[in-house]
Each structure stands twice: as structure tokens, then as C-alpha cells.
C-alpha atoms as a PDB file:
ATOM      1  CA  MET A   1       0.254  -0.244   0.192  1.00  0.00           C
ATOM      2  CA  LYS A   2       1.230   3.264  -1.025  1.00  0.00           C
ATOM      3  CA  ALA A   3       2.326   5.869   2.018  1.00  0.00           C
ATOM      4  CA  LEU A   4      -0.369   8.318   1.466  1.00  0.00           C
ATOM      5  CA  GLU A   5      -2.879   5.742   1.327  1.00  0.00           C
ATOM      6  CA  VAL A   6      -2.073   4.207   4.709  1.00  0.00           C
ATOM      7  CA  LEU A   7      -1.488   7.468   6.408  1.00  0.00           C
ATOM      8  CA  LYS A   8      -5.383   8.913   5.462  1.00  0.00           C
ATOM      9  CA  GLU A   9      -6.557   5.553   6.494  1.00  0.00           C
ATOM     10  CA  HIS A  10      -4.909   4.670   9.564  1.00  0.00           C
ATOM     11  CA  ARG A  11      -7.746   2.714  12.139  1.00  0.00           C
ATOM     12  CA  THR A  12      -6.224   1.200  15.102  1.00  0.00           C
ATOM     13  CA  TYR A  13      -7.153  -2.137  15.796  1.00  0.00           C
ATOM     14  CA  ARG A  14      -7.463  -3.733  19.451  1.00  0.00           C
ATOM     15  CA  ASN A  15      -8.690  -7.628  17.917  1.00  0.00           C
ATOM     16  CA  PHE A  16      -6.159  -9.680  16.383  1.00  0.00           C
ATOM     17  CA  ASP A  17      -5.547 -13.304  15.754  1.00  0.00           C
ATOM     18  CA  GLU A  18      -3.913 -15.431  18.208  1.00  0.00           C
ATOM     19  CA  ASN A  19      -3.033 -18.421  15.721  1.00  0.00           C
ATOM     20  CA  TYR A  20      -1.025 -16.095  13.225  1.00  0.00           C
ATOM     21  CA  GLN A  21       2.874 -15.429  13.903  1.00  0.00           C
ATOM     22  CA  ILE A  22       4.429 -12.544  12.905  1.00  0.00           C
ATOM     23  CA  THR A  23       7.171 -13.241   9.848  1.00  0.00           C
ATOM     24  CA  ASP A  24      11.062 -12.537  10.712  1.00  0.00           C
ATOM     25  CA  ASP A  25      11.016 -10.716   7.645  1.00  0.00           C
ATOM     26  CA  GLU A  26       8.000  -8.482   8.302  1.00  0.00           C
ATOM     27  CA  LEU A  27       9.273  -7.563  11.941  1.00  0.00           C
ATOM     28  CA  GLN A  28      12.272  -7.174  10.633  1.00  0.00           C
ATOM     29  CA  ASN A  29      10.393  -4.775   8.048  1.00  0.00           C
ATOM     30  CA  ILE A  30       8.566  -2.771  10.485  1.00  0.00           C
ATOM     31  CA  LEU A  31      12.171  -2.595  13.146  1.00  0.00           C
ATOM     32  CA  GLN A  32      14.264  -1.386  10.346  1.00  0.00           C
ATOM     33  CA  ALA A  33      11.716   1.049   9.050  1.00  0.00           C
ATOM     34  CA  SER A  34      11.321   2.350  13.007  1.00  0.00           C
ATOM     35  CA  ARG A  35      14.545   3.063  13.001  1.00  0.00           C
ATOM     36  CA  GLN A  36      14.606   4.663  10.009  1.00  0.00           C
ATOM     37  CA  ALA A  37      12.961   7.638  11.716  1.00  0.00           C
ATOM     38  CA  PRO A  38      13.034  11.047  12.156  1.00  0.00           C
ATOM     39  CA  SER A  39      16.202  11.859  15.456  1.00  0.00           C
ATOM     40  CA  TRP A  40      16.797  15.940  16.662  1.00  0.00           C
ATOM     41  CA  MET A  41      21.298  16.362  15.377  1.00  0.00           C
ATOM     42  CA  ASN A  42      20.871  12.005  14.326  1.00  0.00           C
ATOM     43  CA  GLY A  43      20.636  11.699  17.999  1.00  0.00           C
ATOM     44  CA  GLN A  44      18.821   8.434  18.183  1.00  0.00           C
ATOM     45  CA  MET A  45      18.081   8.595  21.479  1.00  0.00           C
ATOM     46  CA  TYR A  46      15.024   5.851  22.207  1.00  0.00           C
ATOM     47  CA  SER A  47      15.340   1.963  22.145  1.00  0.00           C
ATOM     48  CA  ILE A  48      13.044  -0.554  20.668  1.00  0.00           C
ATOM     49  CA  ILE A  49      12.340  -3.442  23.626  1.00  0.00           C
ATOM     50  CA  VAL A  50      11.087  -6.417  21.326  1.00  0.00           C
ATOM     51  CA  VAL A  51       9.140  -8.701  23.644  1.00  0.00           C
ATOM     52  CA  LYS A  52       7.924 -11.732  23.012  1.00  0.00           C
ATOM     53  CA  ASP A  53       8.562 -13.770  26.175  1.00  0.00           C
ATOM     54  CA  ARG A  54       4.969 -14.716  27.528  1.00  0.00           C
ATOM     55  CA  GLU A  55       4.853 -14.609  31.076  1.00  0.00           C
ATOM     56  CA  ILE A  56       6.592 -10.591  31.146  1.00  0.00           C
ATOM     57  CA  ARG A  57       3.452  -9.743  29.082  1.00  0.00           C
ATOM     58  CA  GLU A  58       0.884 -11.602  30.744  1.00  0.00           C
ATOM     59  CA  LYS A  59       2.908  -9.721  34.293  1.00  0.00           C
ATOM     60  CA  MET A  60       1.876  -6.400  31.711  1.00  0.00           C
ATOM     61  CA  VAL A  61      -1.645  -7.792  31.467  1.00  0.00           C
ATOM     62  CA  ALA A  62      -1.691  -8.174  35.090  1.00  0.00           C
ATOM     63  CA  LEU A  63      -0.716  -4.901  35.613  1.00  0.00           C
ATOM     64  CA  ASN A  64      -3.093  -3.653  32.837  1.00  0.00           C
ATOM     65  CA  PRO A  65      -5.550  -5.562  32.156  1.00  0.00           C
ATOM     66  CA  GLY A  66      -6.982  -2.931  30.652  1.00  0.00           C
ATOM     67  CA  ASN A  67      -5.342  -4.122  27.018  1.00  0.00           C
ATOM     68  CA  PRO A  68      -5.079  -7.798  26.969  1.00  0.00           C
ATOM     69  CA  HIS A  69      -3.458  -7.825  23.987  1.00  0.00           C
ATOM     70  CA  MET A  70      -0.561  -6.787  24.684  1.00  0.00           C
ATOM     71  CA  LEU A  71      -0.320 -10.714  25.308  1.00  0.00           C
ATOM     72  CA  HIS A  72      -2.595 -11.211  22.518  1.00  0.00           C
ATOM     73  CA  SER A  73      -1.274  -9.816  19.575  1.00  0.00           C
ATOM     74  CA  SER A  74       1.791 -11.371  17.383  1.00  0.00           C
ATOM     75  CA  VAL A  75       4.379  -8.938  19.194  1.00  0.00           C
ATOM     76  CA  PHE A  76       4.424  -6.819  22.206  1.00  0.00           C
ATOM     77  CA  LEU A  77       7.261  -3.780  21.376  1.00  0.00           C
ATOM     78  CA  VAL A  78       8.234  -0.529  23.592  1.00  0.00           C
ATOM     79  CA  PHE A  79       9.205   2.475  22.827  1.00  0.00           C
ATOM     80  CA  VAL A  80      11.814   3.844  25.436  1.00  0.00           C
ATOM     81  CA  ALA A  81      12.727   7.467  25.589  1.00  0.00           C
ATOM     82  CA  ASP A  82      16.893   6.911  26.031  1.00  0.00           C
ATOM     83  CA  LEU A  83      19.082   8.520  27.174  1.00  0.00           C
ATOM     84  CA  LYS A  84      21.125   5.836  28.952  1.00  0.00           C
ATOM     85  CA  ARG A  85      23.274   5.622  25.752  1.00  0.00           C
ATOM     86  CA  THR A  86      24.483   9.668  25.437  1.00  0.00           C
ATOM     87  CA  LYS A  87      25.121   9.183  29.294  1.00  0.00           C
ATOM     88  CA  LYS A  88      27.693   5.965  28.223  1.00  0.00           C
ATOM     89  CA  VAL A  89      29.310   8.805  25.654  1.00  0.00           C
ATOM     90  CA  ALA A  90      29.473  11.758  27.980  1.00  0.00           C
ATOM     91  CA  GLU A  91      31.462   8.870  30.628  1.00  0.00           C
ATOM     92  CA  HIS A  92      33.943   7.761  27.071  1.00  0.00           C
ATOM     93  CA  TYR A  93      34.361  11.570  26.935  1.00  0.00           C
ATOM     94  CA  GLY A  94      34.723  13.024  30.647  1.00  0.00           C
ATOM     95  CA  VAL A  95      33.194  15.471  30.169  1.00  0.00           C
ATOM     96  CA  ASP A  96      29.727  16.570  32.579  1.00  0.00           C
ATOM     97  CA  TYR A  97      26.055  15.185  32.337  1.00  0.00           C
ATOM     98  CA  PRO A  98      23.973  17.710  33.504  1.00  0.00           C
ATOM     99  CA  ILE A  99      20.322  16.888  31.951  1.00  0.00           C
ATOM    100  CA  ASN A 100      18.543  16.904  35.124  1.00  0.00           C
ATOM    101  CA  GLU A 101      18.961  20.427  35.157  1.00  0.00           C
ATOM    102  CA  GLY A 102      15.913  21.384  32.303  1.00  0.00           C
ATOM    103  CA  LEU A 103      13.904  19.752  30.896  1.00  0.00           C
ATOM    104  CA  ASP A 104      15.116  19.857  26.818  1.00  0.00           C
ATOM    105  CA  PRO A 105      16.781  16.637  26.480  1.00  0.00           C
ATOM    106  CA  LEU A 106      13.678  15.208  27.714  1.00  0.00           C
ATOM    107  CA  ILE A 107      11.446  16.332  25.326  1.00  0.00           C
ATOM    108  CA  THR A 108      13.772  16.005  22.924  1.00  0.00           C
ATOM    109  CA  ALA A 109      14.337  11.294  23.713  1.00  0.00           C
ATOM    110  CA  VAL A 110      10.212  12.224  23.980  1.00  0.00           C
ATOM    111  CA  THR A 111      10.624  13.530  20.581  1.00  0.00           C
ATOM    112  CA  ASP A 112      12.811  10.180  18.867  1.00  0.00           C
ATOM    113  CA  ALA A 113      10.838   7.788  20.511  1.00  0.00           C
ATOM    114  CA  ALA A 114       6.624   9.182  19.458  1.00  0.00           C
ATOM    115  CA  LEU A 115       8.807   9.288  15.966  1.00  0.00           C
ATOM    116  CA  ALA A 116       9.992   6.045  16.096  1.00  0.00           C
ATOM    117  CA  LEU A 117       6.641   4.401  16.764  1.00  0.00           C
ATOM    118  CA  GLU A 118       5.192   5.991  13.921  1.00  0.00           C
ATOM    119  CA  ASN A 119       7.340   4.959  11.730  1.00  0.00           C
ATOM    120  CA  ALA A 120       6.166   1.349  13.388  1.00  0.00           C
ATOM    121  CA  VAL A 121       2.805   2.199  13.037  1.00  0.00           C
ATOM    122  CA  ILE A 122       3.082   3.354   9.412  1.00  0.00           C
ATOM    123  CA  ALA A 123       5.362   0.163   8.519  1.00  0.00           C
ATOM    124  CA  THR A 124       2.890  -2.457  10.350  1.00  0.00           C
ATOM    125  CA  GLU A 125      -0.247  -0.967   8.004  1.00  0.00           C
ATOM    126  CA  ALA A 126       2.348  -1.105   4.487  1.00  0.00           C
ATOM    127  CA  LEU A 127       2.110  -4.334   5.694  1.00  0.00           C
ATOM    128  CA  GLY A 128      -1.228  -4.741   5.429  1.00  0.00           C
ATOM    129  CA  LEU A 129      -0.703  -5.814   9.562  1.00  0.00           C
ATOM    130  CA  GLY A 130      -2.439  -3.457  12.064  1.00  0.00           C
ATOM    131  CA  ALA A 131      -1.578  -1.760  15.794  1.00  0.00           C
ATOM    132  CA  VAL A 132      -2.642  -0.519  18.861  1.00  0.00           C
ATOM    133  CA  VAL A 133       0.113   2.241  20.437  1.00  0.00           C
ATOM    134  CA  VAL A 134      -0.359   1.509  24.549  1.00  0.00           C
ATOM    135  CA  GLY A 135      -0.166   4.769  26.390  1.00  0.00           C
ATOM    136  CA  SER A 136      -1.218   3.193  29.694  1.00  0.00           C
ATOM    137  CA  ILE A 137       1.619   1.134  30.112  1.00  0.00           C
ATOM    138  CA  ARG A 138       2.927   4.983  31.832  1.00  0.00           C
ATOM    139  CA  LYS A 139       0.270   4.292  34.947  1.00  0.00           C
ATOM    140  CA  ASP A 140       2.812   1.996  36.171  1.00  0.00           C
ATOM    141  CA  VAL A 141       6.077   3.516  35.298  1.00  0.00           C
ATOM    142  CA  ALA A 142       7.735   1.376  37.811  1.00  0.00           C
ATOM    143  CA  GLU A 143       7.009  -1.382  37.634  1.00  0.00           C
ATOM    144  CA  VAL A 144       7.080  -2.033  33.607  1.00  0.00           C
ATOM    145  CA  SER A 145      10.788  -0.443  34.204  1.00  0.00           C
ATOM    146  CA  GLU A 146      11.595  -3.498  36.255  1.00  0.00           C
ATOM    147  CA  LEU A 147       9.973  -5.859  33.788  1.00  0.00           C
ATOM    148  CA  LEU A 148      12.243  -5.071  31.142  1.00  0.00           C
ATOM    149  CA  ASN A 149      15.104  -4.170  33.394  1.00  0.00           C
ATOM    150  CA  LEU A 150      15.622  -0.383  32.337  1.00  0.00           C
ATOM    151  CA  PRO A 151      18.608   1.188  33.504  1.00  0.00           C
ATOM    152  CA  GLU A 152      19.262   4.657  34.824  1.00  0.00           C
ATOM    153  CA  TYR A 153      18.356   7.578  32.350  1.00  0.00           C
ATOM    154  CA  VAL A 154      15.512   5.489  29.913  1.00  0.00           C
ATOM    155  CA  LEU A 155      11.755   6.347  30.062  1.00  0.00           C
ATOM    156  CA  PRO A 156       9.140   3.925  29.066  1.00  0.00           C
ATOM    157  CA  ILE A 157       6.711   6.251  26.669  1.00  0.00           C
ATOM    158  CA  ALA A 158       4.301   3.696  24.864  1.00  0.00           C
ATOM    159  CA  GLY A 159       3.668   0.021  23.770  1.00  0.00           C
ATOM    160  CA  LEU A 160       2.633  -1.036  19.976  1.00  0.00           C
ATOM    161  CA  SER A 161       0.957  -4.389  19.734  1.00  0.00           C
ATOM    162  CA  ILE A 162       0.786  -5.301  16.221  1.00  0.00           C
ATOM    163  CA  GLY A 163      -0.574  -8.388  14.754  1.00  0.00           C
ATOM    164  CA  LYS A 164      -2.877  -9.631  12.482  1.00  0.00           C
ATOM    165  CA  PRO A 165      -6.832  -8.046  13.009  1.00  0.00           C
ATOM    166  CA  ASN A 166      -9.803 -10.859  13.563  1.00  0.00           C
ATOM    167  CA  VAL A 167     -12.275  -7.275  14.341  1.00  0.00           C
ATOM    168  CA  GLU A 168     -12.790  -4.634  11.037  1.00  0.00           C
ATOM    169  CA  MET A 169     -11.865  -1.614  11.943  1.00  0.00           C
ATOM    170  CA  ARG A 170     -13.836   1.686  11.160  1.00  0.00           C
ATOM    171  CA  SER A 171     -11.363   5.870  10.484  1.00  0.00           C
ATOM    172  CA  LYS A 172     -11.911   7.514  12.517  1.00  0.00           C
ATOM    173  CA  PRO A 173     -12.693  10.850  12.415  1.00  0.00           C
ATOM    174  CA  ARG A 174     -10.313  13.442  13.224  1.00  0.00           C
ATOM    175  CA  LEU A 175     -11.152  17.195  14.889  1.00  0.00           C
ATOM    176  CA  PRO A 176     -12.039  19.967  12.350  1.00  0.00           C
ATOM    177  CA  GLU A 177      -9.407  21.292  10.547  1.00  0.00           C
ATOM    178  CA  GLU A 178      -9.729  24.846  11.552  1.00  0.00           C
ATOM    179  CA  ALA A 179      -9.373  23.439  14.633  1.00  0.00           C
ATOM    180  CA  VAL A 180      -6.053  22.073  14.490  1.00  0.00           C
ATOM    181  CA  ILE A 181      -4.510  23.518  12.083  1.00  0.00           C
ATOM    182  CA  HIS A 182      -3.055  27.176  11.363  1.00  0.00           C
ATOM    183  CA  TYR A 183      -1.498  29.970   8.896  1.00  0.00           C
ATOM    184  CA  ASP A 184       1.500  32.085  10.183  1.00  0.00           C
ATOM    185  CA  THR A 185       0.857  32.243  13.620  1.00  0.00           C
ATOM    186  CA  TYR A 186      -1.479  30.270  16.280  1.00  0.00           C
ATOM    187  CA  GLN A 187      -5.490  31.502  15.709  1.00  0.00           C
ATOM    188  CA  ASP A 188      -7.956  30.973  17.546  1.00  0.00           C
ATOM    189  CA  TYR A 189     -10.565  29.833  17.096  1.00  0.00           C
ATOM    190  CA  ASP A 190     -14.374  29.496  18.159  1.00  0.00           C
ATOM    191  CA  TYR A 191     -15.529  26.592  20.415  1.00  0.00           C
ATOM    192  CA  GLN A 192     -18.173  25.424  18.312  1.00  0.00           C
ATOM    193  CA  LEU A 193     -15.878  23.468  16.101  1.00  0.00           C
ATOM    194  CA  ILE A 194     -15.335  21.603  20.154  1.00  0.00           C
ATOM    195  CA  GLU A 195     -18.985  21.143  19.819  1.00  0.00           C
ATOM    196  CA  ASP A 196     -19.117  20.249  16.882  1.00  0.00           C
ATOM    197  CA  TYR A 197     -16.247  16.616  16.734  1.00  0.00           C
ATOM    198  CA  ASP A 198     -18.816  15.981  20.051  1.00  0.00           C
ATOM    199  CA  ASP A 199     -21.490  15.342  17.563  1.00  0.00           C
ATOM    200  CA  THR A 200     -19.739  14.212  14.962  1.00  0.00           C
ATOM    201  CA  MET A 201     -18.494  11.529  17.254  1.00  0.00           C
ATOM    202  CA  GLU A 202     -20.850  10.596  18.568  1.00  0.00           C
ATOM    203  CA  LYS A 203     -22.765   9.630  15.974  1.00  0.00           C
ATOM    204  CA  PHE A 204     -19.899   7.788  15.325  1.00  0.00           C
ATOM    205  CA  ALA A 205     -20.724   5.658  17.856  1.00  0.00           C
ATOM    206  CA  GLU A 206     -17.030   4.171  19.389  1.00  0.00           C
ATOM    207  CA  ALA A 207     -18.740   1.265  21.606  1.00  0.00           C
ATOM    208  CA  ARG A 208     -16.179   1.831  24.000  1.00  0.00           C
ATOM    209  CA  GLU A 209     -16.621   5.384  24.372  1.00  0.00           C
ATOM    210  CA  THR A 210     -18.752   6.509  27.501  1.00  0.00           C
ATOM    211  CA  LYS A 211     -18.792  10.344  26.875  1.00  0.00           C
ATOM    212  CA  ILE A 212     -18.869  12.977  24.524  1.00  0.00           C
ATOM    213  CA  TRP A 213     -15.013  13.635  23.282  1.00  0.00           C
ATOM    214  CA  SER A 214     -14.694  17.002  25.479  1.00  0.00           C
ATOM    215  CA  LYS A 215     -16.527  15.719  28.164  1.00  0.00           C
ATOM    216  CA  LYS A 216     -13.819  12.427  28.377  1.00  0.00           C
ATOM    217  CA  PHE A 217     -10.565  15.058  28.863  1.00  0.00           C
ATOM    218  CA  ALA A 218     -12.339  18.258  30.803  1.00  0.00           C
ATOM    219  CA  ASP A 219     -13.036  15.283  34.244  1.00  0.00           C
ATOM    220  CA  TYR A 220      -9.245  13.984  32.499  1.00  0.00           C
ATOM    221  CA  PHE A 221      -7.186  16.533  33.365  1.00  0.00           C
ATOM    222  CA  SER A 222      -9.354  17.826  36.214  1.00  0.00           C
ATOM    223  CA  ASN A 223      -7.247  15.488  38.211  1.00  0.00           C
ATOM    224  CA  LYS A 224      -3.392  16.270  39.211  1.00  0.00           C
ATOM    225  CA  PRO A 225      -1.333  14.498  36.347  1.00  0.00           C
ATOM    226  CA  ASN A 226       0.481  10.765  37.379  1.00  0.00           C
ATOM    227  CA  GLN A 227       2.506  11.442  39.990  1.00  0.00           C
ATOM    228  CA  LYS A 228       3.899   7.809  39.276  1.00  0.00           C
ATOM    229  CA  ILE A 229       6.100   9.363  36.618  1.00  0.00           C
ATOM    230  CA  ASP A 230       7.429  12.861  38.155  1.00  0.00           C
ATOM    231  CA  GLU A 231       8.864  10.110  41.041  1.00  0.00           C
ATOM    232  CA  PHE A 232       9.634   7.460  38.280  1.00  0.00           C
ATOM    233  CA  LEU A 233      11.677  10.595  36.129  1.00  0.00           C
ATOM    234  CA  LYS A 234      13.524  11.285  40.176  1.00  0.00           C
ATOM    235  CA  MET A 235      14.888   8.424  40.450  1.00  0.00           C
ATOM    236  CA  LYS A 236      16.443   7.422  37.408  1.00  0.00           C
ATOM    237  CA  LYS A 237      18.016  10.691  37.784  1.00  0.00           C
ATOM    238  CA  PHE A 238      15.871  12.382  34.434  1.00  0.00           C
ATOM    239  CA  PHE A 239      15.847  14.760  37.046  1.00  0.00           C
ATOM    240  CA  SER A 240      17.435  15.957  40.801  1.00  0.00           C
END
């Protein structure tokens, strides 16, 4: 499938044929495409954990029971922001490594990991397979880190379940262009655009949604952010 067709037809799959095994060639094509993603200064400040071990995947589902596809998909990848590699470089040259004094190094590494993740999604769909991004692995970030034996300066960003879909999904409508695309400067817009999108998503009627789009995020952001992330970042030496 051509790249533009893949991008425009993107949809998330959460149900996979448990008997289907991704081939080594398919996996290597996905990983190669992922590794070719853009990165700041070619720093490639991410790593990819390929999780095939059933016991590890079972433990991840136990932590995150709302995402059983982490076990039932053909393979589960975990994308991590990785500043351990540049720590090794700093030690090699005997220079300081003050990444805990500002946010920019972490933002850079998270961006690199996200770009690699998106390349993996596109490659997966181009191969005629399906995938779902799992950001909720950060809910139990310390436990996931321990399961995967992640060292200091490494932060789990998201997982990716990959497999052969056994339930067809529709391509989900996106926000109106006027609410997302800005030319030259940021342009404010009427709240009616959000209400229009609420109506669009209600008509789309995704079974797993229990609230309208705007209310879902109003409720989500009315709570304090996940404090486990802050604690984890300090523990892993991203911050003092």
C-alpha cells in the first residue's frame, strides 16, 4: 500500500488472531522502518524493547487489564526515551552530563521515541497488519521498567501491539481542520468547532466510548497528572 493511502486510512486495531505469528521478515521490516525515523541531530535517543516472552506479557496485562491485546497480539514492542546511551558517551569523553537541570533533553528523547513509534505503525499497516499504541503502560511506569530491566536515564513512552486483525475497524473522524491547522501564527477558533466534533463522534458511536469527546478530556485533566511519572523521573536521574 502506498504511504499516503496508509496514512489517510489509519485505524487502530485491538483484536488480533492469536494463531497468527508475525514472520521474522515482517518484524525486521517494521523495526528497520522504525529505526529510520527522523531524530534530532541523528541522536536516536530511544530504544525499542521487543517483548516476545509470554510471562512478561502476562505480567504487563496483569498491570494493565484493559489492554489484553498486549498478550494476544503477535508481538509487543515498547518504545523508550533513552538517555543512557548519551550518558555512556559523556563518560567516554570524561565530560559532565547535567541533563537533570532542564526539560529539553527529556523532550528531545521523548520526541525521538514517538517518531520511531509512528514509523513502526506506518510500516505495520503497509504490511497489511494492524496495531494499537498503548500509552497506558506509563500508569505503572516503575513496575513496567522493572519487568523490562530498564536502567537509569530510560523512560517507557508507549507500547505497540502488532498482529493480524480479526475484527474490522472504521477510520475514526478527526477534529475539524480549523481547530488544528494554523497558518503563520496560532489562530483562535470558536468553541462551536469542538461541539461539532462532539456531535461527529457521537454519530460515529464507538462502542468503547462512554462520554462525549470534550467531557472525556475535561474529566481527565480535572485530575492531577500521574504523580508516578514525576517520582520515576527522579528515581531514574532525569531530575534531581
